[in-house]
Amino acid sequence: MIYGQTVNIILVTRAMSGDSSAKSQLLTDWYTRVYNYALKFLGDHDLAMEVSQLTFIAVHHKIETLQDPEKFRSWLYTILANNCRHQKRRRKDPAFSDLSSEAARKAMDLPCNNTNPEQQMIQQEAAFQLQQAILRLPEVQREVLIMKEFEGLKFREIAESLGISENTAKSRLYYAFKHLKETLSGYSYHPK
């Protein structure tokens, strides 16, 4: 599980006042998290890169409209989630099944530093199966799952980002886990 990074309030405040170097630093600090979210959501490197760029263009142009620097993370994920949804609708593919095992491993942030090639292959296959199961989740469940389990957002931040109640976020996460369990129940993972 990967947890999201904390927000540097001073940096966000400087960016909100138009400081270009602060905006650049925010991009540097948050680009990997934004890209990883988009990759997990979309399952495609090129689309994730495009969504990341669109997200930071929006952040650059709209950060002055942010009212509270402490809300930066949920505000950023609102923009990111909207861009991911828009890109998925534009693509009109129900799921992206051409994701390679290497891309799945990267998307799931699973290290493949095992020296045993068989174990490495099993780990990559497990990552691939998990990524495919996540891509099959309904969009609303996938968003909450990625934000909570991979990005480490609190339910309050998820609710703010998606414009839903905290209870709705919790319910969507519950059903996401239920669907993942059902989808992965037929997959056998037997490490030695």
N, C-alpha and C. Protein backbone atom coordinates (compact mmCIF):
# COMPACT_ATOMS: atom_id res chain seq x y z
N MET A 1 0.85 -1.17 0.00
CA MET A 1 0.00 0.00 0.00
C MET A 1 0.89 1.23 0.00
N ILE A 2 0.59 2.19 -0.85
CA ILE A 2 1.34 3.43 -0.95
C ILE A 2 0.48 4.54 -0.34
N TYR A 3 1.10 5.35 0.49
CA TYR A 3 0.36 6.45 1.10
C TYR A 3 0.75 7.76 0.46
N GLY A 4 -0.24 8.61 0.26
CA GLY A 4 -0.02 9.91 -0.36
C GLY A 4 0.88 10.80 0.47
N GLN A 5 1.46 11.75 -0.19
CA GLN A 5 2.37 12.63 0.52
C GLN A 5 1.61 13.76 1.18
N THR A 6 2.25 14.37 2.15
CA THR A 6 1.63 15.48 2.84
C THR A 6 1.76 16.75 2.00
N VAL A 7 0.91 17.69 2.28
CA VAL A 7 0.88 18.93 1.53
C VAL A 7 1.77 19.96 2.24
N ASN A 8 2.64 20.59 1.49
CA ASN A 8 3.46 21.67 1.99
C ASN A 8 2.64 22.95 1.88
N ILE A 9 2.04 23.35 2.99
CA ILE A 9 1.10 24.48 3.01
C ILE A 9 1.78 25.78 2.55
N ILE A 10 3.01 25.99 2.97
CA ILE A 10 3.73 27.21 2.58
C ILE A 10 3.92 27.25 1.07
N LEU A 11 4.31 26.11 0.51
CA LEU A 11 4.53 26.03 -0.94
C LEU A 11 3.22 26.28 -1.70
N VAL A 12 2.14 25.69 -1.24
CA VAL A 12 0.84 25.88 -1.88
C VAL A 12 0.41 27.34 -1.78
N THR A 13 0.62 27.96 -0.62
CA THR A 13 0.26 29.37 -0.44
C THR A 13 1.05 30.26 -1.40
N ARG A 14 2.34 29.98 -1.55
CA ARG A 14 3.15 30.74 -2.50
C ARG A 14 2.64 30.55 -3.93
N ALA A 15 2.30 29.31 -4.28
CA ALA A 15 1.77 29.03 -5.63
C ALA A 15 0.44 29.75 -5.85
N MET A 16 -0.39 29.79 -4.81
CA MET A 16 -1.69 30.47 -4.91
C MET A 16 -1.51 31.96 -5.16
N SER A 17 -0.40 32.51 -4.69
CA SER A 17 -0.16 33.95 -4.89
C SER A 17 0.53 34.23 -6.22
N GLY A 18 0.74 33.19 -7.03
CA GLY A 18 1.29 33.37 -8.37
C GLY A 18 2.78 33.10 -8.51
N ASP A 19 3.42 32.59 -7.47
CA ASP A 19 4.85 32.30 -7.50
C ASP A 19 5.13 31.14 -8.47
N SER A 20 5.79 31.43 -9.59
CA SER A 20 6.06 30.41 -10.62
C SER A 20 6.96 29.30 -10.12
N SER A 21 7.96 29.64 -9.31
CA SER A 21 8.86 28.59 -8.80
C SER A 21 8.11 27.65 -7.86
N ALA A 22 7.15 28.18 -7.09
CA ALA A 22 6.35 27.33 -6.21
C ALA A 22 5.45 26.40 -7.03
N LYS A 23 4.89 26.93 -8.12
CA LYS A 23 4.07 26.09 -9.00
C LYS A 23 4.92 24.98 -9.61
N SER A 24 6.12 25.31 -10.02
CA SER A 24 7.02 24.29 -10.59
C SER A 24 7.38 23.23 -9.55
N GLN A 25 7.61 23.67 -8.32
CA GLN A 25 7.95 22.73 -7.26
C GLN A 25 6.77 21.80 -6.95
N LEU A 26 5.55 22.33 -6.98
CA LEU A 26 4.37 21.48 -6.78
C LEU A 26 4.29 20.41 -7.86
N LEU A 27 4.57 20.79 -9.10
CA LEU A 27 4.57 19.82 -10.19
C LEU A 27 5.61 18.73 -9.91
N THR A 28 6.80 19.14 -9.52
CA THR A 28 7.86 18.17 -9.22
C THR A 28 7.45 17.25 -8.07
N ASP A 29 6.89 17.84 -7.03
CA ASP A 29 6.52 17.06 -5.84
C ASP A 29 5.37 16.10 -6.09
N TRP A 30 4.42 16.47 -6.95
CA TRP A 30 3.19 15.70 -7.09
C TRP A 30 3.07 14.93 -8.40
N TYR A 31 3.97 15.12 -9.33
CA TYR A 31 3.81 14.50 -10.65
C TYR A 31 3.73 12.97 -10.57
N THR A 32 4.61 12.36 -9.81
CA THR A 32 4.62 10.89 -9.71
C THR A 32 3.30 10.37 -9.16
N ARG A 33 2.77 11.01 -8.12
CA ARG A 33 1.50 10.57 -7.51
C ARG A 33 0.37 10.70 -8.54
N VAL A 34 0.34 11.82 -9.24
CA VAL A 34 -0.70 12.05 -10.24
C VAL A 34 -0.60 11.02 -11.36
N TYR A 35 0.60 10.80 -11.85
CA TYR A 35 0.80 9.83 -12.92
C TYR A 35 0.39 8.43 -12.46
N ASN A 36 0.81 8.02 -11.27
CA ASN A 36 0.47 6.68 -10.76
C ASN A 36 -1.03 6.49 -10.62
N TYR A 37 -1.73 7.53 -10.14
CA TYR A 37 -3.19 7.43 -10.05
C TYR A 37 -3.79 7.22 -11.44
N ALA A 38 -3.36 8.05 -12.38
CA ALA A 38 -3.90 7.96 -13.74
C ALA A 38 -3.59 6.60 -14.37
N LEU A 39 -2.39 6.08 -14.13
CA LEU A 39 -2.02 4.77 -14.67
C LEU A 39 -2.87 3.67 -14.06
N LYS A 40 -3.10 3.72 -12.77
CA LYS A 40 -3.95 2.71 -12.13
C LYS A 40 -5.39 2.81 -12.63
N PHE A 41 -5.86 4.03 -12.83
CA PHE A 41 -7.24 4.22 -13.26
C PHE A 41 -7.45 3.84 -14.72
N LEU A 42 -6.52 4.23 -15.58
CA LEU A 42 -6.68 4.05 -17.02
C LEU A 42 -6.00 2.81 -17.56
N GLY A 43 -4.92 2.36 -16.91
CA GLY A 43 -4.21 1.17 -17.36
C GLY A 43 -3.40 1.37 -18.63
N ASP A 44 -3.07 2.61 -18.96
CA ASP A 44 -2.35 2.90 -20.20
C ASP A 44 -1.35 4.02 -19.94
N HIS A 45 -0.07 3.77 -20.24
CA HIS A 45 1.00 4.74 -19.97
C HIS A 45 0.77 6.06 -20.71
N ASP A 46 0.49 6.00 -22.00
CA ASP A 46 0.33 7.22 -22.79
C ASP A 46 -0.86 8.06 -22.31
N LEU A 47 -1.96 7.40 -22.00
CA LEU A 47 -3.12 8.13 -21.49
C LEU A 47 -2.83 8.72 -20.11
N ALA A 48 -2.10 7.98 -19.28
CA ALA A 48 -1.73 8.49 -17.96
C ALA A 48 -0.83 9.71 -18.07
N MET A 49 0.09 9.68 -19.02
CA MET A 49 0.96 10.84 -19.24
C MET A 49 0.13 12.05 -19.69
N GLU A 50 -0.80 11.82 -20.59
CA GLU A 50 -1.64 12.90 -21.09
C GLU A 50 -2.50 13.50 -19.98
N VAL A 51 -3.11 12.62 -19.18
CA VAL A 51 -3.95 13.09 -18.07
C VAL A 51 -3.09 13.86 -17.06
N SER A 52 -1.89 13.38 -16.79
CA SER A 52 -1.01 14.08 -15.85
C SER A 52 -0.70 15.48 -16.34
N GLN A 53 -0.39 15.59 -17.62
CA GLN A 53 -0.09 16.90 -18.18
C GLN A 53 -1.31 17.82 -18.12
N LEU A 54 -2.47 17.31 -18.51
CA LEU A 54 -3.69 18.11 -18.45
C LEU A 54 -4.00 18.55 -17.02
N THR A 55 -3.76 17.67 -16.08
CA THR A 55 -4.03 17.99 -14.67
C THR A 55 -3.13 19.13 -14.21
N PHE A 56 -1.85 19.06 -14.54
CA PHE A 56 -0.95 20.12 -14.07
C PHE A 56 -1.11 21.43 -14.84
N ILE A 57 -1.58 21.36 -16.07
CA ILE A 57 -1.92 22.59 -16.78
C ILE A 57 -3.08 23.28 -16.05
N ALA A 58 -4.09 22.48 -15.67
CA ALA A 58 -5.23 23.04 -14.93
C ALA A 58 -4.79 23.59 -13.58
N VAL A 59 -3.93 22.84 -12.88
CA VAL A 59 -3.44 23.31 -11.58
C VAL A 59 -2.71 24.64 -11.76
N HIS A 60 -1.85 24.72 -12.75
CA HIS A 60 -1.08 25.93 -12.99
C HIS A 60 -1.99 27.13 -13.24
N HIS A 61 -3.04 26.93 -14.02
CA HIS A 61 -3.92 28.05 -14.38
C HIS A 61 -4.98 28.37 -13.32
N LYS A 62 -5.32 27.39 -12.48
CA LYS A 62 -6.44 27.60 -11.56
C LYS A 62 -6.06 27.66 -10.09
N ILE A 63 -4.79 27.50 -9.75
CA ILE A 63 -4.43 27.42 -8.33
C ILE A 63 -4.78 28.69 -7.57
N GLU A 64 -4.80 29.81 -8.26
CA GLU A 64 -5.17 31.06 -7.60
C GLU A 64 -6.62 31.04 -7.10
N THR A 65 -7.45 30.16 -7.66
CA THR A 65 -8.85 30.07 -7.24
C THR A 65 -9.04 29.18 -6.01
N LEU A 66 -8.01 28.44 -5.63
CA LEU A 66 -8.09 27.58 -4.44
C LEU A 66 -8.26 28.47 -3.21
N GLN A 67 -9.25 28.20 -2.41
CA GLN A 67 -9.56 29.03 -1.25
C GLN A 67 -8.71 28.70 -0.02
N ASP A 68 -8.43 27.43 0.18
CA ASP A 68 -7.73 26.98 1.40
C ASP A 68 -6.56 26.10 1.00
N PRO A 69 -5.33 26.51 1.32
CA PRO A 69 -4.17 25.69 0.93
C PRO A 69 -4.17 24.30 1.55
N GLU A 70 -4.87 24.12 2.66
CA GLU A 70 -4.95 22.80 3.29
C GLU A 70 -5.82 21.84 2.48
N LYS A 71 -6.61 22.37 1.57
CA LYS A 71 -7.48 21.54 0.71
C LYS A 71 -6.82 21.22 -0.63
N PHE A 72 -5.53 21.54 -0.77
CA PHE A 72 -4.84 21.34 -2.04
C PHE A 72 -4.95 19.90 -2.53
N ARG A 73 -4.68 18.93 -1.65
CA ARG A 73 -4.67 17.53 -2.09
C ARG A 73 -6.03 17.10 -2.63
N SER A 74 -7.10 17.40 -1.92
CA SER A 74 -8.42 16.99 -2.41
C SER A 74 -8.79 17.77 -3.68
N TRP A 75 -8.38 19.04 -3.76
CA TRP A 75 -8.61 19.84 -4.97
C TRP A 75 -7.86 19.25 -6.15
N LEU A 76 -6.61 18.87 -5.95
CA LEU A 76 -5.80 18.26 -7.01
C LEU A 76 -6.45 16.95 -7.49
N TYR A 77 -6.89 16.11 -6.55
CA TYR A 77 -7.50 14.84 -6.94
C TYR A 77 -8.87 15.04 -7.60
N THR A 78 -9.55 16.13 -7.31
CA THR A 78 -10.79 16.44 -8.03
C THR A 78 -10.50 16.65 -9.51
N ILE A 79 -9.50 17.49 -9.77
CA ILE A 79 -9.10 17.77 -11.16
C ILE A 79 -8.64 16.49 -11.83
N LEU A 80 -7.81 15.72 -11.13
CA LEU A 80 -7.26 14.47 -11.68
C LEU A 80 -8.37 13.47 -11.98
N ALA A 81 -9.28 13.26 -11.05
CA ALA A 81 -10.36 12.29 -11.26
C ALA A 81 -11.24 12.71 -12.44
N ASN A 82 -11.53 14.00 -12.54
CA ASN A 82 -12.33 14.49 -13.67
C ASN A 82 -11.61 14.26 -14.99
N ASN A 83 -10.31 14.52 -15.03
CA ASN A 83 -9.54 14.29 -16.26
C ASN A 83 -9.49 12.81 -16.62
N CYS A 84 -9.37 11.94 -15.63
CA CYS A 84 -9.36 10.50 -15.90
C CYS A 84 -10.71 10.05 -16.47
N ARG A 85 -11.79 10.52 -15.85
CA ARG A 85 -13.12 10.15 -16.34
C ARG A 85 -13.32 10.65 -17.77
N HIS A 86 -12.92 11.87 -18.02
CA HIS A 86 -13.06 12.43 -19.37
C HIS A 86 -12.26 11.62 -20.38
N GLN A 87 -11.03 11.26 -20.04
CA GLN A 87 -10.18 10.50 -20.96
C GLN A 87 -10.77 9.12 -21.22
N LYS A 88 -11.32 8.50 -20.19
CA LYS A 88 -11.92 7.17 -20.34
C LYS A 88 -13.14 7.24 -21.26
N ARG A 89 -13.96 8.27 -21.09
CA ARG A 89 -15.13 8.42 -21.96
C ARG A 89 -14.71 8.68 -23.39
N ARG A 90 -13.68 9.49 -23.57
CA ARG A 90 -13.18 9.77 -24.92
C ARG A 90 -12.68 8.49 -25.58
N ARG A 91 -12.07 7.66 -24.82
CA ARG A 91 -11.49 6.42 -25.35
C ARG A 91 -12.57 5.40 -25.66
N LYS A 92 -13.64 5.40 -24.85
CA LYS A 92 -14.80 4.52 -25.03
C LYS A 92 -14.47 3.05 -25.00
N ASP A 93 -13.41 2.69 -24.30
CA ASP A 93 -13.11 1.28 -24.07
C ASP A 93 -13.59 0.93 -22.67
N PRO A 94 -14.33 -0.19 -22.52
CA PRO A 94 -14.81 -0.54 -21.18
C PRO A 94 -13.67 -0.89 -20.24
N ALA A 95 -12.61 -1.44 -20.75
CA ALA A 95 -11.42 -1.74 -19.95
C ALA A 95 -10.25 -1.81 -20.91
N PHE A 96 -9.08 -1.61 -20.40
CA PHE A 96 -7.89 -1.65 -21.22
C PHE A 96 -7.18 -2.97 -20.97
N SER A 97 -7.40 -3.93 -21.84
CA SER A 97 -6.89 -5.28 -21.60
C SER A 97 -5.51 -5.51 -22.19
N ASP A 98 -4.92 -4.51 -22.84
CA ASP A 98 -3.62 -4.71 -23.45
C ASP A 98 -2.46 -4.31 -22.53
N LEU A 99 -2.74 -4.17 -21.27
CA LEU A 99 -1.71 -3.79 -20.31
C LEU A 99 -0.72 -4.93 -20.14
N SER A 100 0.55 -4.65 -20.32
CA SER A 100 1.59 -5.67 -20.18
C SER A 100 1.85 -5.95 -18.71
N SER A 101 2.47 -7.08 -18.42
CA SER A 101 2.81 -7.43 -17.05
C SER A 101 3.74 -6.39 -16.44
N GLU A 102 4.70 -5.89 -17.20
CA GLU A 102 5.62 -4.88 -16.68
C GLU A 102 4.87 -3.60 -16.32
N ALA A 103 3.95 -3.19 -17.18
CA ALA A 103 3.17 -1.99 -16.89
C ALA A 103 2.27 -2.22 -15.68
N ALA A 104 1.71 -3.41 -15.56
CA ALA A 104 0.88 -3.73 -14.39
C ALA A 104 1.71 -3.67 -13.12
N ARG A 105 2.93 -4.21 -13.16
CA ARG A 105 3.79 -4.19 -11.99
C ARG A 105 4.08 -2.74 -11.60
N LYS A 106 4.38 -1.91 -12.59
CA LYS A 106 4.66 -0.51 -12.32
C LYS A 106 3.42 0.18 -11.77
N ALA A 107 2.28 -0.10 -12.36
CA ALA A 107 1.04 0.53 -11.92
C ALA A 107 0.72 0.17 -10.48
N MET A 108 1.06 -1.04 -10.07
CA MET A 108 0.74 -1.49 -8.73
C MET A 108 1.86 -1.19 -7.73
N ASP A 109 2.95 -0.58 -8.17
CA ASP A 109 4.08 -0.24 -7.32
C ASP A 109 4.64 -1.46 -6.61
N LEU A 110 4.65 -2.61 -7.27
CA LEU A 110 5.21 -3.81 -6.68
C LEU A 110 6.65 -3.97 -7.12
N PRO A 111 7.57 -4.08 -6.16
CA PRO A 111 8.96 -4.25 -6.57
C PRO A 111 9.19 -5.65 -7.12
N CYS A 112 9.99 -5.72 -8.14
CA CYS A 112 10.36 -7.01 -8.73
C CYS A 112 11.86 -7.21 -8.55
N ASN A 113 12.30 -7.12 -7.31
CA ASN A 113 13.71 -7.27 -7.04
C ASN A 113 14.06 -8.68 -6.60
N ASN A 114 13.13 -9.58 -6.74
CA ASN A 114 13.35 -10.97 -6.39
C ASN A 114 14.35 -11.57 -7.40
N THR A 115 15.38 -12.23 -6.90
CA THR A 115 16.38 -12.80 -7.79
C THR A 115 15.92 -14.10 -8.44
N ASN A 116 14.89 -14.71 -7.91
CA ASN A 116 14.36 -15.94 -8.46
C ASN A 116 13.43 -15.59 -9.63
N PRO A 117 13.80 -15.94 -10.87
CA PRO A 117 12.98 -15.57 -12.03
C PRO A 117 11.55 -16.10 -11.95
N GLU A 118 11.38 -17.30 -11.40
CA GLU A 118 10.03 -17.86 -11.29
C GLU A 118 9.18 -17.02 -10.34
N GLN A 119 9.76 -16.64 -9.20
CA GLN A 119 9.03 -15.81 -8.24
C GLN A 119 8.71 -14.44 -8.84
N GLN A 120 9.65 -13.90 -9.59
CA GLN A 120 9.44 -12.61 -10.24
C GLN A 120 8.29 -12.70 -11.23
N MET A 121 8.24 -13.77 -11.99
CA MET A 121 7.17 -13.95 -12.96
C MET A 121 5.82 -14.10 -12.26
N ILE A 122 5.80 -14.83 -11.14
CA ILE A 122 4.56 -15.00 -10.38
C ILE A 122 4.09 -13.66 -9.83
N GLN A 123 5.03 -12.85 -9.31
CA GLN A 123 4.67 -11.53 -8.79
C GLN A 123 4.12 -10.64 -9.91
N GLN A 124 4.75 -10.68 -11.06
CA GLN A 124 4.28 -9.87 -12.18
C GLN A 124 2.90 -10.31 -12.63
N GLU A 125 2.67 -11.60 -12.67
CA GLU A 125 1.35 -12.12 -13.07
C GLU A 125 0.28 -11.72 -12.06
N ALA A 126 0.62 -11.79 -10.76
CA ALA A 126 -0.32 -11.38 -9.73
C ALA A 126 -0.65 -9.90 -9.86
N ALA A 127 0.37 -9.07 -10.13
CA ALA A 127 0.16 -7.63 -10.32
C ALA A 127 -0.73 -7.39 -11.53
N PHE A 128 -0.48 -8.14 -12.59
CA PHE A 128 -1.27 -8.01 -13.81
C PHE A 128 -2.73 -8.36 -13.54
N GLN A 129 -2.97 -9.46 -12.84
CA GLN A 129 -4.34 -9.88 -12.53
C GLN A 129 -5.04 -8.85 -11.65
N LEU A 130 -4.32 -8.31 -10.67
CA LEU A 130 -4.92 -7.30 -9.80
C LEU A 130 -5.25 -6.03 -10.59
N GLN A 131 -4.33 -5.59 -11.43
CA GLN A 131 -4.59 -4.39 -12.23
C GLN A 131 -5.79 -4.61 -13.15
N GLN A 132 -5.87 -5.78 -13.76
CA GLN A 132 -7.01 -6.06 -14.64
C GLN A 132 -8.31 -6.06 -13.84
N ALA A 133 -8.29 -6.61 -12.63
CA ALA A 133 -9.49 -6.62 -11.78
C ALA A 133 -9.88 -5.19 -11.40
N ILE A 134 -8.91 -4.36 -11.11
CA ILE A 134 -9.21 -2.97 -10.77
C ILE A 134 -9.82 -2.25 -11.98
N LEU A 135 -9.29 -2.51 -13.16
CA LEU A 135 -9.82 -1.87 -14.37
C LEU A 135 -11.25 -2.30 -14.67
N ARG A 136 -11.65 -3.47 -14.18
CA ARG A 136 -13.02 -3.97 -14.42
C ARG A 136 -14.03 -3.41 -13.42
N LEU A 137 -13.53 -2.78 -12.35
CA LEU A 137 -14.44 -2.21 -11.36
C LEU A 137 -15.24 -1.08 -11.98
N PRO A 138 -16.46 -0.87 -11.50
CA PRO A 138 -17.18 0.32 -11.92
C PRO A 138 -16.34 1.56 -11.59
N GLU A 139 -16.41 2.55 -12.43
CA GLU A 139 -15.59 3.76 -12.30
C GLU A 139 -15.65 4.37 -10.91
N VAL A 140 -16.84 4.47 -10.33
CA VAL A 140 -16.99 5.12 -9.03
C VAL A 140 -16.30 4.33 -7.92
N GLN A 141 -16.27 3.02 -8.04
CA GLN A 141 -15.57 2.20 -7.05
C GLN A 141 -14.06 2.27 -7.26
N ARG A 142 -13.64 2.27 -8.52
CA ARG A 142 -12.22 2.32 -8.85
C ARG A 142 -11.59 3.60 -8.31
N GLU A 143 -12.29 4.73 -8.48
CA GLU A 143 -11.77 6.01 -8.00
C GLU A 143 -11.50 5.97 -6.50
N VAL A 144 -12.48 5.51 -5.75
CA VAL A 144 -12.36 5.48 -4.30
C VAL A 144 -11.27 4.51 -3.88
N LEU A 145 -11.23 3.34 -4.50
CA LEU A 145 -10.20 2.34 -4.16
C LEU A 145 -8.80 2.90 -4.36
N ILE A 146 -8.55 3.52 -5.50
CA ILE A 146 -7.22 4.06 -5.79
C ILE A 146 -6.89 5.19 -4.83
N MET A 147 -7.84 6.09 -4.61
CA MET A 147 -7.57 7.22 -3.71
C MET A 147 -7.28 6.77 -2.29
N LYS A 148 -8.02 5.77 -1.81
CA LYS A 148 -7.86 5.32 -0.42
C LYS A 148 -6.67 4.40 -0.27
N GLU A 149 -6.59 3.35 -1.07
CA GLU A 149 -5.60 2.31 -0.84
C GLU A 149 -4.23 2.59 -1.45
N PHE A 150 -4.18 3.32 -2.54
CA PHE A 150 -2.89 3.59 -3.19
C PHE A 150 -2.38 5.00 -2.93
N GLU A 151 -3.31 5.96 -2.80
CA GLU A 151 -2.90 7.35 -2.60
C GLU A 151 -2.97 7.76 -1.14
N GLY A 152 -3.65 6.98 -0.30
CA GLY A 152 -3.68 7.25 1.13
C GLY A 152 -4.54 8.42 1.54
N LEU A 153 -5.52 8.80 0.71
CA LEU A 153 -6.40 9.89 1.08
C LEU A 153 -7.35 9.44 2.18
N LYS A 154 -7.74 10.38 3.01
CA LYS A 154 -8.73 10.11 4.06
C LYS A 154 -10.11 10.14 3.40
N PHE A 155 -11.08 9.51 4.05
CA PHE A 155 -12.42 9.49 3.48
C PHE A 155 -12.96 10.91 3.29
N ARG A 156 -12.61 11.82 4.18
CA ARG A 156 -13.03 13.22 4.04
C ARG A 156 -12.49 13.81 2.75
N GLU A 157 -11.22 13.55 2.46
CA GLU A 157 -10.59 14.07 1.24
C GLU A 157 -11.19 13.43 -0.01
N ILE A 158 -11.47 12.14 0.07
CA ILE A 158 -12.10 11.46 -1.07
C ILE A 158 -13.48 12.05 -1.33
N ALA A 159 -14.24 12.24 -0.26
CA ALA A 159 -15.58 12.81 -0.39
C ALA A 159 -15.52 14.20 -1.02
N GLU A 160 -14.57 15.02 -0.56
CA GLU A 160 -14.41 16.37 -1.13
C GLU A 160 -14.00 16.29 -2.60
N SER A 161 -13.08 15.39 -2.92
CA SER A 161 -12.58 15.27 -4.29
C SER A 161 -13.65 14.84 -5.27
N LEU A 162 -14.51 13.94 -4.83
CA LEU A 162 -15.51 13.38 -5.73
C LEU A 162 -16.90 14.00 -5.59
N GLY A 163 -17.05 14.90 -4.61
CA GLY A 163 -18.35 15.54 -4.41
C GLY A 163 -19.40 14.59 -3.89
N ILE A 164 -18.98 13.69 -2.98
CA ILE A 164 -19.90 12.71 -2.40
C ILE A 164 -19.77 12.77 -0.88
N SER A 165 -20.64 12.06 -0.17
CA SER A 165 -20.53 12.01 1.29
C SER A 165 -19.46 10.99 1.69
N GLU A 166 -18.97 11.11 2.92
CA GLU A 166 -17.99 10.15 3.42
C GLU A 166 -18.59 8.74 3.46
N ASN A 167 -19.86 8.64 3.83
CA ASN A 167 -20.50 7.32 3.87
C ASN A 167 -20.59 6.69 2.48
N THR A 168 -20.83 7.51 1.47
CA THR A 168 -20.86 7.00 0.10
C THR A 168 -19.48 6.51 -0.30
N ALA A 169 -18.44 7.25 0.08
CA ALA A 169 -17.06 6.83 -0.22
C ALA A 169 -16.77 5.48 0.45
N LYS A 170 -17.17 5.34 1.70
CA LYS A 170 -16.94 4.08 2.43
C LYS A 170 -17.70 2.93 1.78
N SER A 171 -18.93 3.20 1.37
CA SER A 171 -19.73 2.18 0.71
C SER A 171 -19.10 1.75 -0.61
N ARG A 172 -18.63 2.72 -1.39
CA ARG A 172 -18.00 2.39 -2.67
C ARG A 172 -16.73 1.57 -2.47
N LEU A 173 -15.97 1.88 -1.43
CA LEU A 173 -14.76 1.10 -1.15
C LEU A 173 -15.13 -0.33 -0.75
N TYR A 174 -16.17 -0.47 0.07
CA TYR A 174 -16.63 -1.80 0.47
C TYR A 174 -16.99 -2.63 -0.76
N TYR A 175 -17.77 -2.04 -1.66
CA TYR A 175 -18.17 -2.78 -2.86
C TYR A 175 -17.01 -3.02 -3.82
N ALA A 176 -16.05 -2.12 -3.83
CA ALA A 176 -14.86 -2.34 -4.66
C ALA A 176 -14.12 -3.58 -4.16
N PHE A 177 -13.94 -3.68 -2.85
CA PHE A 177 -13.25 -4.85 -2.30
C PHE A 177 -14.06 -6.13 -2.54
N LYS A 178 -15.37 -6.02 -2.42
CA LYS A 178 -16.24 -7.17 -2.67
C LYS A 178 -16.09 -7.65 -4.12
N HIS A 179 -16.12 -6.70 -5.07
CA HIS A 179 -15.96 -7.07 -6.47
C HIS A 179 -14.57 -7.62 -6.77
N LEU A 180 -13.54 -7.04 -6.17
CA LEU A 180 -12.19 -7.56 -6.36
C LEU A 180 -12.08 -8.99 -5.86
N LYS A 181 -12.67 -9.24 -4.70
CA LYS A 181 -12.63 -10.59 -4.12
C LYS A 181 -13.32 -11.58 -5.05
N GLU A 182 -14.46 -11.20 -5.59
CA GLU A 182 -15.18 -12.07 -6.52
C GLU A 182 -14.39 -12.30 -7.80
N THR A 183 -13.82 -11.22 -8.35
CA THR A 183 -13.07 -11.32 -9.60
C THR A 183 -11.81 -12.16 -9.43
N LEU A 184 -11.14 -12.00 -8.31
CA LEU A 184 -9.86 -12.68 -8.12
C LEU A 184 -10.00 -14.06 -7.47
N SER A 185 -11.22 -14.44 -7.12
CA SER A 185 -11.40 -15.73 -6.43
C SER A 185 -10.98 -16.92 -7.31
N GLY A 186 -11.09 -16.79 -8.61
CA GLY A 186 -10.69 -17.87 -9.51
C GLY A 186 -9.22 -17.89 -9.82
N TYR A 187 -8.53 -16.83 -9.46
CA TYR A 187 -7.08 -16.74 -9.75
C TYR A 187 -6.32 -17.43 -8.64
N SER A 188 -5.41 -18.31 -9.01
CA SER A 188 -4.61 -18.99 -7.99
C SER A 188 -3.18 -18.47 -8.04
N TYR A 189 -2.71 -18.06 -6.89
CA TYR A 189 -1.36 -17.52 -6.74
C TYR A 189 -0.63 -18.45 -5.79
N HIS A 190 0.34 -19.19 -6.29
CA HIS A 190 1.04 -20.19 -5.50
C HIS A 190 2.54 -19.94 -5.47
N PRO A 191 2.99 -18.98 -4.65
CA PRO A 191 4.44 -18.79 -4.55
C PRO A 191 5.07 -19.94 -3.79
N LYS A 192 6.30 -20.25 -4.13
CA LYS A 192 6.99 -21.35 -3.44
C LYS A 192 7.96 -20.80 -2.43
